[in-house]
Amino acid sequence: MSKPAKKKANINIVNRRISTNNALYDLTRVARNDKGGVLVTPEEIEAAFEFFDLDGSGKITMGNLKKRLSVFYKNMPNKEFRFLMNNKPEMTKEELTALLIDNEVQNFDPVGEFHFISSPLAL
């Protein structure tokens, strides 16, 4: 008996709004930092760092990142992992903070991304 094909999520970005199947996320409602990028708080950075620092070494490694993200992004190419690691083999919490706290990312909604990657349609 064959498995039914997984339905792919339908994603559209129009007028700074992302729609994924039946959900709509308004990018204009994303909290912004002083540079207009996505607001990332020190508490969120701490939580993210703890999530990715699998061995408690005080560093996120490329291996840590791949283990955690491959659950959500099964076919993510190595160049994307290198991009997320800022082309470094490992990253401290201070380096992660410097990278995220004053970011200028504007077309991204972290809540919408979470809903997308956690949707059974996206997996």
Foldseek 3Di string as FASTA:
>chain_A
DDDDDFAAWDWDADPLWIDTVPDIDHLVPADADPLQAGADDLVNLVVVQVQQPVPPPQKHFLVSVCVVCCVQVVPDDPVVSCVVVVNDRIGGSVRSCVDPRNDNHRSDDPVVVVCQSPDSSND
